[in-house]
N, C-alpha and C. Protein backbone atom coordinates (compact mmCIF):
# COMPACT_ATOMS: atom_id res chain seq x y z
N MET A 1 -14.11 136.33 82.07
CA MET A 1 -13.26 135.44 81.33
C MET A 1 -13.70 134.00 81.63
N PRO A 2 -13.88 133.15 80.62
CA PRO A 2 -14.33 131.78 80.86
C PRO A 2 -13.35 131.02 81.75
N ILE A 3 -13.89 130.12 82.57
CA ILE A 3 -13.09 129.37 83.53
C ILE A 3 -11.98 128.58 82.86
N LEU A 4 -12.21 128.04 81.69
CA LEU A 4 -11.17 127.25 81.00
C LEU A 4 -9.97 128.12 80.68
N ILE A 5 -10.20 129.34 80.22
CA ILE A 5 -9.09 130.24 79.89
C ILE A 5 -8.33 130.61 81.15
N ARG A 6 -9.05 130.89 82.24
CA ARG A 6 -8.37 131.22 83.49
C ARG A 6 -7.55 130.05 84.00
N CYS A 7 -8.08 128.83 83.89
CA CYS A 7 -7.32 127.64 84.30
C CYS A 7 -6.02 127.55 83.51
N VAL A 8 -6.12 127.71 82.22
CA VAL A 8 -4.94 127.60 81.37
C VAL A 8 -3.93 128.70 81.70
N LEU A 9 -4.39 129.94 81.90
CA LEU A 9 -3.47 131.02 82.24
C LEU A 9 -2.77 130.77 83.56
N PHE A 10 -3.51 130.32 84.58
CA PHE A 10 -2.89 130.07 85.87
C PHE A 10 -1.93 128.90 85.79
N LEU A 11 -2.35 127.85 85.12
CA LEU A 11 -1.53 126.65 85.07
C LEU A 11 -0.22 126.86 84.34
N ALA A 12 -0.15 127.90 83.54
CA ALA A 12 1.10 128.23 82.87
C ALA A 12 2.13 128.76 83.87
N LEU A 13 1.67 129.15 85.07
CA LEU A 13 2.56 129.75 86.06
C LEU A 13 3.08 128.78 87.11
N VAL A 14 2.55 127.57 87.21
CA VAL A 14 2.90 126.67 88.30
C VAL A 14 3.24 125.29 87.78
N PRO A 15 4.01 124.48 88.56
CA PRO A 15 4.26 123.11 88.14
C PRO A 15 2.96 122.33 88.13
N LEU A 16 2.72 121.57 87.08
CA LEU A 16 1.45 120.87 87.00
C LEU A 16 1.59 119.61 86.19
N GLY A 17 0.68 118.70 86.42
CA GLY A 17 0.64 117.47 85.65
C GLY A 17 0.16 117.78 84.24
N ALA A 18 0.56 116.96 83.32
CA ALA A 18 0.15 117.17 81.93
C ALA A 18 -1.35 116.95 81.81
N LEU A 19 -2.07 118.01 81.45
CA LEU A 19 -3.52 117.91 81.31
C LEU A 19 -3.85 117.35 79.94
N SER A 20 -4.81 116.47 79.89
CA SER A 20 -5.27 115.95 78.61
C SER A 20 -5.97 117.06 77.86
N GLN A 21 -5.67 117.23 76.59
CA GLN A 21 -6.29 118.29 75.81
C GLN A 21 -7.76 117.99 75.54
N GLU A 22 -8.15 116.72 75.63
CA GLU A 22 -9.55 116.38 75.38
C GLU A 22 -10.44 116.71 76.58
N LYS A 23 -9.86 116.83 77.75
CA LYS A 23 -10.63 117.01 78.97
C LYS A 23 -10.72 118.50 79.31
N GLU A 24 -11.92 118.96 79.63
CA GLU A 24 -12.12 120.35 79.99
C GLU A 24 -11.64 120.57 81.42
N CYS A 25 -11.05 121.71 81.68
CA CYS A 25 -10.54 122.05 83.00
C CYS A 25 -11.69 122.61 83.84
N ARG A 26 -12.33 121.75 84.63
CA ARG A 26 -13.43 122.19 85.50
C ARG A 26 -12.92 122.63 86.87
N LYS A 27 -11.84 122.02 87.32
CA LYS A 27 -11.19 122.41 88.56
C LYS A 27 -9.75 121.93 88.51
N VAL A 28 -8.91 122.57 89.28
CA VAL A 28 -7.52 122.19 89.37
C VAL A 28 -7.37 121.27 90.58
N VAL A 29 -6.85 120.08 90.35
CA VAL A 29 -6.62 119.13 91.44
C VAL A 29 -5.15 119.27 91.86
N ILE A 30 -4.97 119.64 93.13
CA ILE A 30 -3.63 119.91 93.68
C ILE A 30 -3.24 118.79 94.62
N SER A 31 -1.99 118.38 94.56
CA SER A 31 -1.43 117.47 95.55
C SER A 31 0.02 117.85 95.79
N ALA A 32 0.67 117.16 96.71
CA ALA A 32 2.06 117.49 97.04
C ALA A 32 2.66 116.36 97.86
N ASP A 33 3.97 116.42 98.03
CA ASP A 33 4.66 115.50 98.93
C ASP A 33 4.12 115.74 100.33
N SER A 34 3.52 114.72 100.91
CA SER A 34 2.84 114.88 102.20
C SER A 34 3.78 114.88 103.40
N ASP A 35 5.07 114.79 103.15
CA ASP A 35 6.04 114.72 104.24
C ASP A 35 7.15 115.74 104.02
N TYR A 36 6.77 117.01 103.79
CA TYR A 36 7.75 118.04 103.49
C TYR A 36 7.38 119.34 104.21
N ALA A 37 7.15 119.23 105.52
CA ALA A 37 6.81 120.41 106.33
C ALA A 37 8.01 121.35 106.36
N PRO A 38 7.79 122.65 106.42
CA PRO A 38 6.52 123.35 106.57
C PRO A 38 5.84 123.69 105.24
N LEU A 39 6.44 123.29 104.12
CA LEU A 39 5.82 123.62 102.85
C LEU A 39 4.52 122.86 102.64
N GLN A 40 4.50 121.58 102.98
CA GLN A 40 3.26 120.82 102.93
C GLN A 40 3.39 119.54 103.75
N TRP A 41 2.26 119.11 104.32
CA TRP A 41 2.20 117.86 105.08
C TRP A 41 0.75 117.41 105.17
N TYR A 42 0.58 116.15 105.52
CA TYR A 42 -0.75 115.57 105.71
C TYR A 42 -0.99 115.47 107.21
N ASP A 43 -2.06 116.12 107.69
CA ASP A 43 -2.33 116.15 109.13
C ASP A 43 -3.26 115.03 109.60
N GLY A 44 -3.50 114.06 108.74
CA GLY A 44 -4.42 112.96 109.06
C GLY A 44 -5.79 113.16 108.44
N LYS A 45 -6.11 114.40 108.08
CA LYS A 45 -7.39 114.71 107.45
C LYS A 45 -7.20 115.50 106.16
N HIS A 46 -6.22 116.42 106.15
CA HIS A 46 -6.04 117.33 105.02
C HIS A 46 -4.56 117.48 104.67
N LEU A 47 -4.31 117.74 103.40
CA LEU A 47 -2.99 118.14 102.96
C LEU A 47 -2.92 119.65 103.18
N THR A 48 -1.93 120.12 103.90
CA THR A 48 -1.87 121.52 104.29
C THR A 48 -0.44 122.02 104.26
N GLY A 49 -0.23 123.28 104.51
CA GLY A 49 1.12 123.85 104.57
C GLY A 49 1.22 125.11 103.73
N ALA A 50 2.39 125.74 103.77
CA ALA A 50 2.60 127.02 103.10
C ALA A 50 2.38 126.94 101.60
N SER A 51 2.93 125.94 100.94
CA SER A 51 2.78 125.88 99.47
C SER A 51 1.33 125.60 99.07
N ILE A 52 0.63 124.80 99.86
CA ILE A 52 -0.79 124.53 99.58
C ILE A 52 -1.59 125.81 99.77
N GLU A 53 -1.30 126.54 100.84
CA GLU A 53 -2.02 127.78 101.10
C GLU A 53 -1.78 128.82 100.00
N ILE A 54 -0.55 128.93 99.54
CA ILE A 54 -0.25 129.88 98.47
C ILE A 54 -0.98 129.49 97.19
N ALA A 55 -0.94 128.20 96.84
CA ALA A 55 -1.61 127.74 95.61
C ALA A 55 -3.12 127.98 95.69
N THR A 56 -3.73 127.63 96.81
CA THR A 56 -5.19 127.79 96.92
C THR A 56 -5.58 129.26 96.99
N THR A 57 -4.75 130.09 97.60
CA THR A 57 -5.02 131.53 97.64
C THR A 57 -4.97 132.12 96.23
N ALA A 58 -3.96 131.72 95.45
CA ALA A 58 -3.86 132.22 94.08
C ALA A 58 -5.03 131.75 93.24
N LEU A 59 -5.39 130.47 93.36
CA LEU A 59 -6.53 129.95 92.60
C LEU A 59 -7.82 130.66 92.98
N SER A 60 -8.02 130.86 94.27
CA SER A 60 -9.22 131.57 94.74
C SER A 60 -9.26 132.99 94.21
N ALA A 61 -8.12 133.67 94.24
CA ALA A 61 -8.06 135.05 93.75
C ALA A 61 -8.39 135.12 92.27
N LEU A 62 -8.04 134.07 91.53
CA LEU A 62 -8.34 134.03 90.10
C LEU A 62 -9.72 133.47 89.80
N GLY A 63 -10.43 133.03 90.84
CA GLY A 63 -11.76 132.46 90.65
C GLY A 63 -11.75 131.09 90.01
N ILE A 64 -10.67 130.35 90.21
CA ILE A 64 -10.55 129.02 89.61
C ILE A 64 -10.88 127.97 90.67
N PRO A 65 -11.85 127.10 90.39
CA PRO A 65 -12.18 126.04 91.35
C PRO A 65 -11.01 125.07 91.50
N TYR A 66 -10.85 124.55 92.70
CA TYR A 66 -9.75 123.61 92.95
C TYR A 66 -10.18 122.58 93.98
N GLU A 67 -9.39 121.53 94.03
CA GLU A 67 -9.54 120.49 95.04
C GLU A 67 -8.14 120.12 95.50
N VAL A 68 -7.90 120.14 96.80
CA VAL A 68 -6.63 119.67 97.35
C VAL A 68 -6.84 118.20 97.68
N ARG A 69 -6.01 117.35 97.08
CA ARG A 69 -6.21 115.91 97.21
C ARG A 69 -4.96 115.24 97.77
N TYR A 70 -5.12 114.53 98.87
CA TYR A 70 -4.04 113.71 99.41
C TYR A 70 -4.08 112.38 98.66
N VAL A 71 -2.98 112.02 98.01
CA VAL A 71 -2.96 110.76 97.26
C VAL A 71 -1.98 109.75 97.84
N GLY A 72 -1.31 110.11 98.93
CA GLY A 72 -0.38 109.18 99.56
C GLY A 72 1.04 109.68 99.51
N PRO A 73 1.99 108.75 99.61
CA PRO A 73 3.40 109.13 99.63
C PRO A 73 3.84 109.77 98.31
N PHE A 74 5.03 110.39 98.36
CA PHE A 74 5.53 111.19 97.25
C PHE A 74 5.57 110.43 95.92
N HIS A 75 6.00 109.19 95.93
CA HIS A 75 6.06 108.44 94.67
C HIS A 75 4.67 108.29 94.05
N ARG A 76 3.64 108.21 94.87
CA ARG A 76 2.27 108.12 94.37
C ARG A 76 1.78 109.46 93.82
N VAL A 77 2.26 110.55 94.40
CA VAL A 77 1.93 111.89 93.89
C VAL A 77 2.47 112.04 92.46
N LEU A 78 3.73 111.66 92.28
CA LEU A 78 4.34 111.75 90.94
C LEU A 78 3.61 110.85 89.95
N LYS A 79 3.27 109.64 90.37
CA LYS A 79 2.56 108.70 89.49
C LYS A 79 1.18 109.25 89.12
N SER A 80 0.49 109.85 90.09
CA SER A 80 -0.84 110.44 89.83
C SER A 80 -0.76 111.58 88.83
N ALA A 81 0.31 112.38 88.91
CA ALA A 81 0.50 113.47 87.95
C ALA A 81 0.79 112.89 86.57
N GLN A 82 1.61 111.86 86.54
CA GLN A 82 1.96 111.22 85.27
C GLN A 82 0.73 110.63 84.58
N GLN A 83 -0.21 110.12 85.38
CA GLN A 83 -1.42 109.51 84.84
C GLN A 83 -2.55 110.52 84.61
N GLY A 84 -2.30 111.81 84.93
CA GLY A 84 -3.29 112.85 84.71
C GLY A 84 -4.39 112.90 85.75
N GLU A 85 -4.16 112.28 86.91
CA GLU A 85 -5.16 112.27 87.98
C GLU A 85 -5.09 113.53 88.83
N ILE A 86 -3.94 114.19 88.86
CA ILE A 86 -3.81 115.48 89.53
C ILE A 86 -3.23 116.46 88.51
N ASP A 87 -3.55 117.73 88.68
CA ASP A 87 -3.15 118.76 87.73
C ASP A 87 -1.95 119.56 88.18
N MET A 88 -1.74 119.65 89.49
CA MET A 88 -0.69 120.51 90.01
C MET A 88 -0.03 119.85 91.21
N ILE A 89 1.30 119.84 91.20
CA ILE A 89 2.07 119.38 92.36
C ILE A 89 2.68 120.63 92.95
N SER A 90 2.29 120.94 94.16
CA SER A 90 2.76 122.15 94.81
C SER A 90 4.17 121.94 95.34
N SER A 91 5.07 122.88 95.04
CA SER A 91 6.43 122.88 95.54
C SER A 91 7.19 121.62 95.13
N LEU A 92 7.52 121.55 93.86
CA LEU A 92 8.21 120.39 93.31
C LEU A 92 9.48 120.82 92.61
N LYS A 93 10.57 120.12 92.89
CA LYS A 93 11.84 120.43 92.24
C LYS A 93 11.80 120.00 90.77
N ASP A 94 12.30 120.87 89.93
CA ASP A 94 12.35 120.65 88.49
C ASP A 94 13.53 119.72 88.17
N THR A 95 13.24 118.60 87.50
CA THR A 95 14.29 117.69 87.04
C THR A 95 14.00 117.30 85.59
N PRO A 96 15.02 116.89 84.85
CA PRO A 96 14.79 116.46 83.46
C PRO A 96 13.80 115.28 83.38
N GLU A 97 13.87 114.35 84.32
CA GLU A 97 12.94 113.21 84.31
C GLU A 97 11.50 113.66 84.48
N ARG A 98 11.28 114.60 85.37
CA ARG A 98 9.92 115.08 85.62
C ARG A 98 9.40 115.93 84.47
N ARG A 99 10.30 116.59 83.75
CA ARG A 99 9.89 117.39 82.59
C ARG A 99 9.30 116.53 81.47
N GLU A 100 9.54 115.23 81.53
CA GLU A 100 8.97 114.35 80.52
C GLU A 100 7.45 114.28 80.61
N TYR A 101 6.89 114.55 81.79
CA TYR A 101 5.43 114.48 81.96
C TYR A 101 4.85 115.67 82.72
N LEU A 102 5.67 116.64 83.11
CA LEU A 102 5.19 117.82 83.83
C LEU A 102 5.65 119.08 83.11
N THR A 103 4.92 120.15 83.31
CA THR A 103 5.30 121.47 82.85
C THR A 103 5.63 122.29 84.08
N PHE A 104 6.74 123.02 84.05
CA PHE A 104 7.17 123.78 85.21
C PHE A 104 7.10 125.28 84.94
N ALA A 105 6.86 126.03 86.00
CA ALA A 105 6.87 127.49 85.91
C ALA A 105 8.29 127.97 85.66
N ASN A 106 8.42 129.14 85.05
CA ASN A 106 9.73 129.71 84.82
C ASN A 106 10.33 130.31 86.09
N VAL A 107 9.48 130.67 87.04
CA VAL A 107 9.92 131.29 88.29
C VAL A 107 9.55 130.36 89.44
N ALA A 108 10.52 130.05 90.29
CA ALA A 108 10.26 129.19 91.43
C ALA A 108 9.49 129.96 92.50
N LEU A 109 8.55 129.27 93.14
CA LEU A 109 7.79 129.88 94.22
C LEU A 109 8.65 130.01 95.47
N PHE A 110 9.40 128.95 95.78
CA PHE A 110 10.28 128.95 96.95
C PHE A 110 11.70 128.64 96.51
N ALA A 111 12.65 129.32 97.12
CA ALA A 111 14.05 128.93 96.96
C ALA A 111 14.26 127.73 97.89
N ASN A 112 15.28 126.96 97.65
CA ASN A 112 15.58 125.86 98.55
C ASN A 112 16.27 126.47 99.77
N PRO A 113 15.54 126.58 100.89
CA PRO A 113 16.05 127.35 102.02
C PRO A 113 17.22 126.67 102.74
N ILE A 114 18.09 127.51 103.29
CA ILE A 114 19.19 127.04 104.11
C ILE A 114 19.05 127.75 105.45
N ALA A 115 18.98 126.99 106.53
CA ALA A 115 18.86 127.58 107.86
C ALA A 115 20.24 127.75 108.46
N VAL A 116 20.42 128.80 109.23
CA VAL A 116 21.70 129.06 109.89
C VAL A 116 21.50 128.92 111.39
N PHE A 117 22.28 128.03 112.00
CA PHE A 117 22.25 127.82 113.44
C PHE A 117 23.67 127.96 113.96
N VAL A 118 23.82 128.69 115.05
CA VAL A 118 25.14 128.83 115.67
C VAL A 118 24.98 128.70 117.18
N ALA A 119 26.03 128.26 117.82
CA ALA A 119 26.02 128.15 119.28
C ALA A 119 25.98 129.55 119.88
N LYS A 120 25.25 129.70 121.00
CA LYS A 120 25.10 131.01 121.63
C LYS A 120 26.43 131.58 122.11
N ASP A 121 27.37 130.72 122.49
CA ASP A 121 28.63 131.21 123.05
C ASP A 121 29.66 131.60 121.99
N ARG A 122 29.30 131.46 120.72
CA ARG A 122 30.23 131.83 119.65
C ARG A 122 30.19 133.34 119.44
N ARG A 123 31.33 133.96 119.29
CA ARG A 123 31.39 135.41 119.09
C ARG A 123 30.79 135.82 117.75
N SER A 124 30.93 134.95 116.76
CA SER A 124 30.46 135.31 115.42
C SER A 124 28.97 135.07 115.23
N SER A 125 28.31 134.53 116.25
CA SER A 125 26.90 134.17 116.07
C SER A 125 26.04 135.38 115.75
N SER A 126 26.30 136.49 116.36
CA SER A 126 25.50 137.69 116.12
C SER A 126 25.61 138.15 114.67
N ALA A 127 26.81 138.18 114.14
CA ALA A 127 27.01 138.61 112.75
C ALA A 127 26.36 137.62 111.79
N LEU A 128 26.51 136.33 112.05
CA LEU A 128 25.90 135.32 111.19
C LEU A 128 24.38 135.41 111.21
N LEU A 129 23.82 135.56 112.38
CA LEU A 129 22.36 135.67 112.48
C LEU A 129 21.87 136.93 111.78
N ASN A 130 22.60 138.02 111.90
CA ASN A 130 22.21 139.25 111.21
C ASN A 130 22.21 139.05 109.70
N ARG A 131 23.25 138.38 109.18
CA ARG A 131 23.30 138.11 107.74
C ARG A 131 22.13 137.21 107.32
N ALA A 132 21.85 136.21 108.14
CA ALA A 132 20.74 135.30 107.83
C ALA A 132 19.42 136.07 107.81
N MET A 133 19.23 136.96 108.75
CA MET A 133 18.00 137.74 108.80
C MET A 133 17.89 138.68 107.59
N LEU A 134 18.99 139.28 107.17
CA LEU A 134 18.97 140.13 105.99
C LEU A 134 18.57 139.32 104.76
N PHE A 135 19.12 138.12 104.67
CA PHE A 135 18.77 137.25 103.55
C PHE A 135 17.29 136.90 103.60
N ALA A 136 16.78 136.55 104.79
CA ALA A 136 15.37 136.19 104.94
C ALA A 136 14.46 137.35 104.57
N VAL A 137 14.81 138.55 104.99
CA VAL A 137 14.01 139.73 104.66
C VAL A 137 14.01 139.97 103.15
N ALA A 138 15.17 139.81 102.50
CA ALA A 138 15.25 139.99 101.05
C ALA A 138 14.37 138.96 100.34
N GLU A 139 14.40 137.71 100.81
CA GLU A 139 13.56 136.66 100.23
C GLU A 139 12.09 136.98 100.41
N LEU A 140 11.70 137.41 101.60
CA LEU A 140 10.31 137.76 101.88
C LEU A 140 9.86 138.91 100.98
N ASN A 141 10.70 139.94 100.84
CA ASN A 141 10.35 141.06 99.97
C ASN A 141 10.15 140.60 98.53
N GLN A 142 11.01 139.69 98.06
CA GLN A 142 10.88 139.17 96.70
C GLN A 142 9.56 138.43 96.54
N ARG A 143 9.19 137.62 97.53
CA ARG A 143 7.94 136.87 97.45
C ARG A 143 6.73 137.79 97.49
N MET A 144 6.79 138.83 98.33
CA MET A 144 5.67 139.77 98.40
C MET A 144 5.51 140.51 97.07
N THR A 145 6.62 140.82 96.41
CA THR A 145 6.56 141.45 95.10
C THR A 145 5.87 140.52 94.11
N MET A 146 6.19 139.22 94.17
CA MET A 146 5.57 138.25 93.28
C MET A 146 4.06 138.17 93.54
N VAL A 147 3.67 138.19 94.81
CA VAL A 147 2.24 138.12 95.16
C VAL A 147 1.53 139.37 94.63
N ARG A 148 2.12 140.54 94.81
CA ARG A 148 1.51 141.77 94.31
C ARG A 148 1.39 141.74 92.79
N THR A 149 2.40 141.20 92.12
CA THR A 149 2.36 141.09 90.67
C THR A 149 1.21 140.18 90.23
N MET A 150 1.03 139.04 90.94
CA MET A 150 -0.08 138.13 90.63
C MET A 150 -1.42 138.81 90.86
N GLU A 151 -1.52 139.56 91.96
CA GLU A 151 -2.78 140.25 92.25
C GLU A 151 -3.09 141.28 91.16
N THR A 152 -2.08 142.01 90.73
CA THR A 152 -2.26 143.00 89.67
C THR A 152 -2.69 142.33 88.36
N ALA A 153 -2.02 141.22 88.02
CA ALA A 153 -2.36 140.49 86.79
C ALA A 153 -3.78 139.94 86.88
N SER A 154 -4.16 139.45 88.05
CA SER A 154 -5.51 138.93 88.23
C SER A 154 -6.56 140.03 88.07
N ALA A 155 -6.28 141.19 88.67
CA ALA A 155 -7.21 142.32 88.55
C ALA A 155 -7.32 142.78 87.10
N ALA A 156 -6.20 142.81 86.40
CA ALA A 156 -6.22 143.23 85.00
C ALA A 156 -6.97 142.23 84.14
N ALA A 157 -6.86 140.94 84.45
CA ALA A 157 -7.56 139.91 83.68
C ALA A 157 -9.07 139.99 83.87
N GLU A 158 -9.49 140.48 85.03
CA GLU A 158 -10.93 140.59 85.31
C GLU A 158 -11.58 141.76 84.59
N THR A 159 -10.76 142.75 84.21
CA THR A 159 -11.33 143.93 83.54
C THR A 159 -11.36 143.78 82.05
């Protein structure tokens, strides 16, 4: 399958900057809020984190060339997407304002997580932690199902 078609198919699944129709998709340029660990952060040399790793793993599995680019603080990431300098913003909340210049996936990659912390001496801490763990396991299972679905779709596209 030609690289342009694969780029277009993948980009339909993730939040991305508006690509110019005149410009050929030779690689996907990814950026993100550099101060949003553990999903993504800038370590002084590279933009890294869970959302970056998931995006690059998916792109690699689809055989789509990419570049992870640190462009600075979050407001600069949004401006770069608006100007067409980056193609994908990893892990970005969907808002009406951003929809004016971005296309968003129908399915979120990450839910907005809520952590549960309780004091050790509380009697209810065990029950709360168990509920939190059940929720975490359910979320992980859902994500693994999504990854398997992407792998299956990628394999089917190659045949």
